[in-house]
């Protein structure tokens, strides 16, 4: 009996006390990759980021196009009298002539400038969409990275726990064979080890899914080597909620894009008002009759396009532009409130998870381990049964898993805050 109890005590102490040391052994075939390197890779290779960037570059080419005068039109005229042949008729009619001319459309002053400014605002909105896509992809890489770190730590913990429970199962079997223990202890130990095998398999499946996700974000082939993360560590939040909200209002691409759209619709209203004024067309024509008898003719023509259907065209256009302006303002206000709400959620998540991590480190985990130590001593002296000892041990395992999961959630919340505010919290 004393030999079996000493064996269990040594096994428990070995695994619980040496877990952190074994987690840092260099037996892994893959070299850990820093998060910053993966973020650089994603920004360089992710097709969604590249597509959004190309869209922004395309939009930047529009302002000069729409703010430039229409291409001029060159005109060649020939009038012959009495004969269809070119340049015939000079000898028998004074009306035969050859003419060259040019025509240029001239929009009302200010229209071209407004169209260019509107296109510039459209390009600014596209830029903010690109920034939003970029931040979303990088946040996805961060969250997948932290999830992989948690799953790797959990996998190590579960494997160590499996080895320990196997030893506990063997000890229970030895006690049962010697007539000291009972069969229920053996069956309970076997059941717990089978549960651990199920958790290990589930953990591996989840890790495989996250590996596939992060490879997708990095634009790596799914058959490439799996990514090994560095060990998770807690990042201290150095900003208050008000500071983060101020940064979000200044740097958030959704808010900035909504503000650019408000400005764009204001320019659209100004352009709709300009459409109440006429556009012009300037023509210049040179005509040549028989050079031996007549001098050349020169003609300048100014055409005016009058907006006479204002009630059916210009006024509805203005009403539409004003309605779109009001809609853009409402969307900007809604977007600002939504970002403040999301930021508040993530800030509270990071704040409360940091408090939980402190409780785990300074309270729950030390207390659970102390209870396990006391349970071992009681079990060794036959003052505690196997079920109570096993329950104490499982409490320690559960708290360890919860600690690393909470740490992963804390870092994920900070990643979301970084995406919303544009700040670097690490």
Protein backbone atom coordinates (compact mmCIF):
# COMPACT_ATOMS: atom_id res chain seq x y z
CA UNK A 1 0.00 0.00 0.00
CA UNK A 2 2.77 2.43 0.85
CA UNK A 3 4.55 1.65 -2.40
CA UNK A 4 1.43 2.39 -4.49
CA UNK A 5 0.72 5.64 -2.65
CA UNK A 6 4.30 6.79 -3.04
CA UNK A 7 4.12 5.95 -6.73
CA UNK A 8 0.97 8.06 -7.22
CA UNK A 9 2.45 10.92 -5.20
CA UNK A 10 5.67 10.90 -7.22
CA UNK A 11 3.76 10.75 -10.52
CA UNK A 12 1.49 13.66 -9.60
CA UNK A 13 4.32 15.81 -8.36
CA UNK A 14 6.40 15.02 -11.43
CA UNK A 15 3.77 16.01 -13.98
CA UNK A 16 2.31 19.01 -12.13
CA UNK A 17 5.68 20.45 -11.13
CA UNK A 18 7.53 19.75 -14.38
CA UNK A 19 4.82 20.72 -16.90
CA UNK A 20 6.11 24.22 -17.63
CA UNK A 21 9.65 22.95 -18.06
CA UNK A 22 8.62 20.24 -20.47
CA UNK A 23 6.53 22.69 -22.50
CA UNK A 24 9.69 24.66 -23.25
CA UNK A 25 11.81 21.73 -24.40
CA UNK A 26 13.22 22.05 -27.93
CA UNK A 27 11.93 18.79 -29.27
CA UNK A 28 9.52 20.30 -31.79
CA UNK A 29 10.56 19.81 -35.41
CA UNK A 30 9.08 23.16 -36.47
CA UNK A 31 10.68 26.46 -35.59
CA UNK A 32 8.32 28.93 -33.88
CA UNK A 33 7.30 31.84 -36.11
CA UNK A 34 6.83 35.35 -34.76
CA UNK A 35 3.45 36.98 -35.22
CA UNK A 36 5.02 40.07 -36.82
CA UNK A 37 6.53 37.93 -39.61
CA UNK A 38 3.15 36.38 -40.41
CA UNK A 39 1.47 39.80 -40.50
CA UNK A 40 4.07 41.02 -43.00
CA UNK A 41 3.54 37.91 -45.10
CA UNK A 42 -0.24 38.32 -45.08
CA UNK A 43 -0.04 41.98 -46.07
CA UNK A 44 2.28 41.06 -48.92
CA UNK A 45 0.47 37.98 -50.28
CA UNK A 46 -3.19 37.94 -49.24
CA UNK A 47 -5.30 38.27 -52.43
CA UNK A 48 -8.12 40.14 -50.69
CA UNK A 49 -5.67 42.82 -49.53
CA UNK A 50 -4.10 42.97 -52.98
CA UNK A 51 -7.51 43.24 -54.69
CA UNK A 52 -8.58 46.08 -52.38
CA UNK A 53 -5.26 47.85 -52.94
CA UNK A 54 -5.60 47.58 -56.73
CA UNK A 55 -9.15 48.89 -56.47
CA UNK A 56 -7.87 51.93 -54.62
CA UNK A 57 -5.12 52.47 -57.20
CA UNK A 58 -7.72 52.24 -59.94
CA UNK A 59 -9.98 54.80 -58.24
CA UNK A 60 -7.09 57.24 -58.02
CA UNK A 61 -7.00 57.46 -61.83
CA UNK A 62 -10.58 58.71 -62.15
CA UNK A 63 -10.40 62.37 -60.91
CA UNK A 64 -8.26 63.65 -63.79
CA UNK A 65 -10.50 61.87 -66.30
CA UNK A 66 -13.77 63.41 -65.16
CA UNK A 67 -12.32 66.88 -64.52
CA UNK A 68 -10.86 67.25 -68.02
CA UNK A 69 -12.68 68.94 -70.90
CA UNK A 70 -14.36 66.62 -73.43
CA UNK A 71 -12.25 65.85 -76.49
CA UNK A 72 -12.69 68.44 -79.25
CA UNK A 73 -14.38 67.48 -82.47
CA UNK A 74 -12.73 68.30 -85.81
CA UNK A 75 -14.98 68.85 -88.82
CA UNK A 76 -14.27 68.64 -92.55
CA UNK A 77 -16.91 69.99 -94.97
CA UNK A 78 -17.16 69.88 -98.73
CA UNK A 79 -19.98 71.34 -100.79
CA UNK A 80 -20.03 70.95 -104.56
CA UNK A 81 -22.72 72.20 -106.97
CA UNK A 82 -23.60 70.47 -110.21
CA UNK A 83 -21.26 67.51 -109.75
CA UNK A 84 -20.81 64.82 -107.05
CA UNK A 85 -17.07 64.70 -107.64
CA UNK A 86 -14.90 66.10 -104.78
CA UNK A 87 -13.77 69.66 -105.23
CA UNK A 88 -15.87 70.07 -108.34
CA UNK A 89 -18.12 73.03 -108.95
CA UNK A 90 -15.80 75.95 -108.29
CA UNK A 91 -16.10 77.04 -111.96
CA UNK A 92 -19.90 76.96 -112.23
CA UNK A 93 -21.17 77.99 -108.76
CA UNK A 94 -20.24 80.49 -106.12
CA UNK A 95 -21.72 78.19 -103.44
CA UNK A 96 -19.14 75.41 -103.76
CA UNK A 97 -16.60 75.42 -100.93
CA UNK A 98 -14.30 73.38 -98.70
CA UNK A 99 -14.42 73.92 -94.94
CA UNK A 100 -12.37 72.93 -91.85
CA UNK A 101 -13.59 73.43 -88.34
CA UNK A 102 -13.26 72.49 -84.67
CA UNK A 103 -15.94 72.14 -81.99
CA UNK A 104 -15.47 72.09 -78.21
CA UNK A 105 -18.07 71.39 -75.51
CA UNK A 106 -17.70 73.70 -72.50
CA UNK A 107 -19.54 72.70 -69.29
CA UNK A 108 -20.71 75.52 -67.06
CA UNK A 109 -17.80 76.87 -64.95
CA UNK A 110 -17.26 74.80 -61.82
CA UNK A 111 -18.86 71.56 -63.02
CA UNK A 112 -15.61 69.89 -64.05
CA UNK A 113 -13.95 70.86 -60.78
CA UNK A 114 -16.83 69.41 -58.76
CA UNK A 115 -16.77 66.17 -60.75
CA UNK A 116 -13.06 65.84 -60.06
CA UNK A 117 -13.56 66.47 -56.34
CA UNK A 118 -16.38 63.93 -56.21
CA UNK A 119 -14.16 61.34 -57.88
CA UNK A 120 -11.40 62.19 -55.40
CA UNK A 121 -13.80 61.53 -52.52
CA UNK A 122 -14.75 58.23 -54.16
CA UNK A 123 -11.07 57.34 -54.25
CA UNK A 124 -10.77 58.28 -50.56
CA UNK A 125 -13.72 56.02 -49.73
CA UNK A 126 -12.06 53.19 -51.68
CA UNK A 127 -8.85 53.79 -49.75
CA UNK A 128 -10.71 53.41 -46.46
CA UNK A 129 -12.31 50.19 -47.74
CA UNK A 130 -8.84 48.90 -48.56
CA UNK A 131 -7.65 49.80 -45.06
CA UNK A 132 -10.68 48.08 -43.56
CA UNK A 133 -9.96 44.88 -45.51
CA UNK A 134 -6.29 45.04 -44.55
CA UNK A 135 -7.05 45.40 -40.86
CA UNK A 136 -9.67 42.64 -40.95
CA UNK A 137 -7.24 40.18 -42.56
CA UNK A 138 -4.43 41.06 -40.14
CA UNK A 139 -6.82 40.74 -37.20
CA UNK A 140 -7.82 37.33 -38.52
CA UNK A 141 -4.16 36.28 -38.64
CA UNK A 142 -3.67 37.46 -35.07
CA UNK A 143 -6.72 35.64 -33.74
CA UNK A 144 -5.78 32.41 -35.55
CA UNK A 145 -2.23 32.72 -34.22
CA UNK A 146 -3.43 33.11 -30.62
CA UNK A 147 -5.86 30.22 -31.06
CA UNK A 148 -3.03 28.04 -32.35
CA UNK A 149 -0.90 29.02 -29.36
CA UNK A 150 -3.70 28.05 -26.99
CA UNK A 151 -4.36 24.74 -28.76
CA UNK A 152 -0.65 23.88 -28.77
CA UNK A 153 -0.43 24.56 -25.05
CA UNK A 154 -3.59 22.55 -24.44
CA UNK A 155 -2.24 19.66 -26.50
CA UNK A 156 0.92 19.53 -24.40
CA UNK A 157 -1.14 19.63 -21.22
CA UNK A 158 -3.49 16.87 -22.37
CA UNK A 159 -0.65 14.59 -23.42
CA UNK A 160 1.06 15.02 -20.07
CA UNK A 161 -2.25 14.41 -18.31
CA UNK A 162 -2.73 11.23 -20.32
CA UNK A 163 0.61 9.90 -19.18
CA UNK A 164 -0.20 10.75 -15.59
CA UNK A 165 -3.65 9.18 -15.66
CA UNK A 166 -2.16 6.05 -17.15
CA UNK A 167 0.17 5.83 -14.17
CA UNK A 168 -2.72 6.51 -11.78
CA UNK A 169 -4.73 3.80 -13.51
CA UNK A 170 -1.87 1.34 -13.07
CA UNK A 171 -1.57 2.27 -9.41
CA UNK A 172 -5.31 1.75 -8.89
CA UNK A 173 -5.07 -1.63 -10.58
CA UNK A 174 -2.16 -2.60 -8.33
CA UNK A 175 -4.11 -1.60 -5.23
CA UNK A 176 -7.12 -3.57 -6.46
CA UNK A 177 -5.04 -6.69 -7.10
CA UNK A 178 -3.56 -6.40 -3.63
CA UNK A 179 -7.04 -6.19 -2.15
CA UNK A 180 -6.59 -2.62 -0.89
CA UNK A 181 -8.55 -0.65 -3.49
CA UNK A 182 -11.75 -1.42 -5.38
CA UNK A 183 -12.69 -2.02 -9.01
CA UNK A 184 -14.61 1.27 -9.21
CA UNK A 185 -11.37 3.20 -8.81
CA UNK A 186 -9.85 1.29 -11.72
CA UNK A 187 -12.88 1.88 -13.95
CA UNK A 188 -12.97 5.57 -13.04
CA UNK A 189 -9.30 6.00 -13.93
CA UNK A 190 -9.84 4.20 -17.25
CA UNK A 191 -12.86 6.39 -18.00
CA UNK A 192 -10.93 9.58 -17.33
CA UNK A 193 -8.07 8.46 -19.56
CA UNK A 194 -10.53 7.65 -22.37
CA UNK A 195 -12.03 11.15 -21.98
CA UNK A 196 -8.54 12.59 -22.31
CA UNK A 197 -7.98 10.65 -25.54
CA UNK A 198 -11.22 12.13 -26.89
CA UNK A 199 -10.12 15.64 -25.88
CA UNK A 200 -6.71 15.13 -27.51
CA UNK A 201 -8.37 14.06 -30.78
CA UNK A 202 -10.80 16.98 -30.65
CA UNK A 203 -7.94 19.35 -29.96
CA UNK A 204 -5.98 18.04 -32.94
CA UNK A 205 -9.03 18.44 -35.18
CA UNK A 206 -9.55 22.04 -34.03
CA UNK A 207 -5.85 22.80 -34.50
CA UNK A 208 -6.06 21.42 -38.05
CA UNK A 209 -8.97 23.74 -38.83
CA UNK A 210 -7.12 26.77 -37.48
CA UNK A 211 -3.98 25.79 -39.44
CA UNK A 212 -6.08 25.69 -42.62
CA UNK A 213 -7.57 29.08 -41.79
CA UNK A 214 -4.26 30.82 -41.18
CA UNK A 215 -2.74 29.29 -44.33
CA UNK A 216 -5.70 30.68 -46.27
CA UNK A 217 -5.10 34.15 -44.83
CA UNK A 218 -1.37 33.91 -45.61
CA UNK A 219 -2.09 32.58 -49.14
CA UNK A 220 -0.06 29.45 -48.48
CA UNK A 221 -0.90 26.08 -49.96
CA UNK A 222 -2.85 23.81 -47.62
CA UNK A 223 -0.16 21.14 -48.05
CA UNK A 224 2.56 23.45 -46.68
CA UNK A 225 4.14 22.85 -43.29
CA UNK A 226 2.08 23.67 -40.23
CA UNK A 227 2.85 26.88 -38.36
CA UNK A 228 4.46 26.66 -34.94
CA UNK A 229 3.66 29.61 -32.67
CA UNK A 230 5.62 31.11 -29.84
CA UNK A 231 4.26 30.65 -26.33
CA UNK A 232 1.43 32.97 -25.40
CA UNK A 233 2.16 35.81 -23.02
CA UNK A 234 -0.14 38.43 -21.57
CA UNK A 235 -0.11 41.92 -23.09
CA UNK A 236 -0.92 44.74 -20.71
CA UNK A 237 -3.47 47.27 -22.03
CA UNK A 238 -1.99 50.76 -21.64
CA UNK A 239 -5.02 52.80 -22.77
CA UNK A 240 -8.32 53.79 -21.22
CA UNK A 241 -11.59 53.33 -23.08
CA UNK A 242 -11.88 57.08 -23.74
CA UNK A 243 -8.39 57.13 -25.26
CA UNK A 244 -9.21 54.13 -27.45
CA UNK A 245 -12.51 55.70 -28.54
CA UNK A 246 -10.75 58.93 -29.50
CA UNK A 247 -8.22 56.93 -31.54
CA UNK A 248 -11.03 55.00 -33.23
CA UNK A 249 -12.88 58.18 -34.22
CA UNK A 250 -9.67 59.49 -35.74
CA UNK A 251 -8.25 56.34 -37.34
CA UNK A 252 -11.07 53.85 -37.91
CA UNK A 253 -11.51 53.25 -41.67
CA UNK A 254 -15.27 52.62 -41.43
CA UNK A 255 -15.83 55.95 -39.69
CA UNK A 256 -13.40 57.74 -42.02
CA UNK A 257 -15.07 56.19 -45.08
CA UNK A 258 -18.51 57.27 -43.85
CA UNK A 259 -17.22 60.82 -43.29
CA UNK A 260 -15.72 60.90 -46.79
CA UNK A 261 -19.08 59.79 -48.15
CA UNK A 262 -20.80 62.69 -46.35
CA UNK A 263 -18.34 65.09 -47.96
CA UNK A 264 -18.82 63.40 -51.31
CA UNK A 265 -22.61 63.78 -51.16
CA UNK A 266 -22.20 67.46 -50.22
CA UNK A 267 -20.24 67.96 -53.43
CA UNK A 268 -22.91 66.03 -55.32
CA UNK A 269 -25.50 68.53 -54.05
CA UNK A 270 -23.34 71.39 -55.31
CA UNK A 271 -23.02 69.70 -58.71
CA UNK A 272 -26.78 69.16 -58.90
CA UNK A 273 -27.25 72.90 -58.32
CA UNK A 274 -24.77 73.63 -61.11
CA UNK A 275 -26.87 71.55 -63.49
CA UNK A 276 -29.53 74.30 -63.37
CA UNK A 277 -27.09 76.43 -65.42
CA UNK A 278 -26.48 75.98 -69.16
CA UNK A 279 -23.55 74.28 -70.86
CA UNK A 280 -21.88 75.71 -73.95
CA UNK A 281 -20.46 74.62 -77.27
CA UNK A 282 -17.89 76.70 -79.14
CA UNK A 283 -17.29 76.13 -82.87
CA UNK A 284 -14.82 77.66 -85.30
CA UNK A 285 -15.05 77.11 -89.06
CA UNK A 286 -12.82 78.04 -92.01
CA UNK A 287 -14.40 77.91 -95.52
CA UNK A 288 -12.71 78.26 -98.88
CA UNK A 289 -14.48 78.88 -102.19
CA UNK A 290 -12.75 79.55 -105.55
CA UNK A 291 -9.44 81.07 -104.44
CA UNK A 292 -9.09 82.92 -107.73
CA UNK A 293 -12.29 84.93 -107.21
CA UNK A 294 -13.22 84.98 -103.52
CA UNK A 295 -11.54 85.37 -100.20
CA UNK A 296 -11.82 82.71 -97.42
CA UNK A 297 -14.69 82.78 -94.90
CA UNK A 298 -14.27 82.48 -91.11
CA UNK A 299 -17.12 81.67 -88.71
CA UNK A 300 -17.32 81.44 -84.90
CA UNK A 301 -20.43 79.88 -83.35
CA UNK A 302 -21.41 79.72 -79.68
CA UNK A 303 -24.10 77.17 -78.78
CA UNK A 304 -25.94 77.12 -75.45
CA UNK A 305 -27.67 74.05 -73.99
CA UNK A 306 -30.59 75.43 -71.96
CA UNK A 307 -31.99 73.22 -69.13
CA UNK A 308 -35.65 73.85 -69.87
CA UNK A 309 -36.97 70.60 -68.30
CA UNK A 310 -35.97 71.53 -64.76
CA UNK A 311 -39.10 70.14 -63.17
CA UNK A 312 -38.46 66.69 -64.68
CA UNK A 313 -34.68 66.52 -64.57
CA UNK A 314 -32.70 69.06 -62.52
CA UNK A 315 -35.08 69.42 -59.56
CA UNK A 316 -35.45 65.63 -59.00
CA UNK A 317 -31.67 65.35 -59.37
CA UNK A 318 -31.16 67.95 -56.64
CA UNK A 319 -33.75 66.30 -54.39
CA UNK A 320 -32.01 62.95 -54.85
CA UNK A 321 -28.60 64.43 -54.02
CA UNK A 322 -29.95 66.09 -50.86
CA UNK A 323 -31.62 62.84 -49.75
CA UNK A 324 -28.36 60.96 -50.34
CA UNK A 325 -26.55 63.58 -48.28
CA UNK A 326 -28.93 63.09 -45.35
CA UNK A 327 -28.58 59.31 -45.70
CA UNK A 328 -24.77 59.60 -45.63
CA UNK A 329 -24.90 61.69 -42.46
CA UNK A 330 -27.16 59.13 -40.75
CA UNK A 331 -24.90 56.28 -41.84
CA UNK A 332 -21.88 58.13 -40.44
CA UNK A 333 -23.61 58.57 -37.08
CA UNK A 334 -24.69 54.92 -37.06
CA UNK A 335 -21.19 53.76 -37.95
CA UNK A 336 -19.68 55.86 -35.19
CA UNK A 337 -22.08 54.39 -32.63
CA UNK A 338 -21.47 50.86 -33.89
CA UNK A 339 -17.70 51.24 -33.59
CA UNK A 340 -18.07 52.67 -30.09
CA UNK A 341 -20.24 49.67 -29.17
CA UNK A 342 -17.81 47.11 -30.60
CA UNK A 343 -14.88 48.84 -28.97
CA UNK A 344 -16.65 48.84 -25.62
CA UNK A 345 -17.31 45.12 -25.93
CA UNK A 346 -13.71 44.28 -26.73
CA UNK A 347 -12.36 46.64 -24.07
CA UNK A 348 -14.53 45.04 -21.39
CA UNK A 349 -13.51 41.60 -22.65
CA UNK A 350 -9.83 42.47 -22.41
CA UNK A 351 -10.27 44.16 -19.03
CA UNK A 352 -12.23 41.30 -17.45
CA UNK A 353 -10.01 38.60 -18.92
CA UNK A 354 -6.98 40.38 -17.45
CA UNK A 355 -8.70 40.32 -14.05
CA UNK A 356 -9.46 36.62 -14.49
CA UNK A 357 -5.85 35.88 -15.41
CA UNK A 358 -4.74 37.55 -12.18
CA UNK A 359 -7.29 35.50 -10.21
CA UNK A 360 -6.05 32.31 -11.84
CA UNK A 361 -2.38 33.12 -11.19
CA UNK A 362 -2.72 34.44 -7.64
CA UNK A 363 -5.74 32.52 -6.34
CA UNK A 364 -7.37 29.60 -8.10
CA UNK A 365 -4.36 27.71 -9.45
CA UNK A 366 -2.20 27.99 -6.29
CA UNK A 367 -5.20 27.05 -4.13
CA UNK A 368 -6.07 24.07 -6.33
CA UNK A 369 -2.50 22.83 -6.26
CA UNK A 370 -2.34 23.25 -2.49
CA UNK A 371 -5.56 21.26 -2.22
CA UNK A 372 -4.05 18.58 -4.43
CA UNK A 373 -0.93 18.43 -2.29
CA UNK A 374 -3.10 18.02 0.84
CA UNK A 375 -5.20 15.39 -0.92
CA UNK A 376 -2.09 13.42 -1.84
CA UNK A 377 -0.96 13.40 1.77
CA UNK A 378 -4.43 12.37 2.96
CA UNK A 379 -4.64 9.64 0.34
CA UNK A 380 -1.21 8.37 1.28
CA UNK A 381 -2.30 8.02 4.90
CA UNK A 382 -5.65 6.44 3.94
CA UNK A 383 -7.63 9.48 5.15
CA UNK A 384 -9.02 10.27 1.63
CA UNK A 385 -10.43 8.03 -1.05
CA UNK A 386 -9.36 7.79 -4.66
CA UNK A 387 -12.35 9.73 -6.02
CA UNK A 388 -11.54 12.81 -3.96
CA UNK A 389 -7.90 12.70 -5.05
CA UNK A 390 -8.88 12.33 -8.69
CA UNK A 391 -11.35 15.22 -8.40
CA UNK A 392 -8.62 17.47 -6.96
CA UNK A 393 -6.28 16.50 -9.76
CA UNK A 394 -8.92 17.19 -12.45
CA UNK A 395 -9.56 20.61 -10.89
CA UNK A 396 -5.91 21.50 -11.42
CA UNK A 397 -6.04 20.31 -15.03
CA UNK A 398 -9.24 22.24 -15.72
CA UNK A 399 -7.87 25.45 -14.22
CA UNK A 400 -4.69 25.14 -16.29
CA UNK A 401 -6.75 24.80 -19.49
CA UNK A 402 -9.03 27.67 -18.50
CA UNK A 403 -6.04 29.90 -17.79
CA UNK A 404 -4.58 29.44 -21.28
CA UNK A 405 -7.98 29.78 -22.92
CA UNK A 406 -8.59 33.03 -21.03
CA UNK A 407 -5.16 34.27 -22.10
CA UNK A 408 -6.01 33.49 -25.73
CA UNK A 409 -9.30 35.37 -25.40
CA UNK A 410 -7.50 38.34 -23.83
CA UNK A 411 -5.03 38.58 -26.71
CA UNK A 412 -7.84 38.12 -29.24
CA UNK A 413 -9.76 41.04 -27.70
CA UNK A 414 -6.64 43.21 -27.97
CA UNK A 415 -6.27 42.20 -31.62
CA UNK A 416 -9.83 43.37 -32.26
CA UNK A 417 -9.10 46.65 -30.47
CA UNK A 418 -6.03 47.15 -32.66
CA UNK A 419 -8.14 46.61 -35.78
CA UNK A 420 -10.75 49.14 -34.60
CA UNK A 421 -8.37 51.85 -33.38
CA UNK A 422 -5.34 51.41 -35.61
CA UNK A 423 -3.11 51.39 -32.53
CA UNK A 424 -0.36 48.87 -31.81
CA UNK A 425 -0.84 47.53 -28.30
CA UNK A 426 2.12 45.14 -28.37
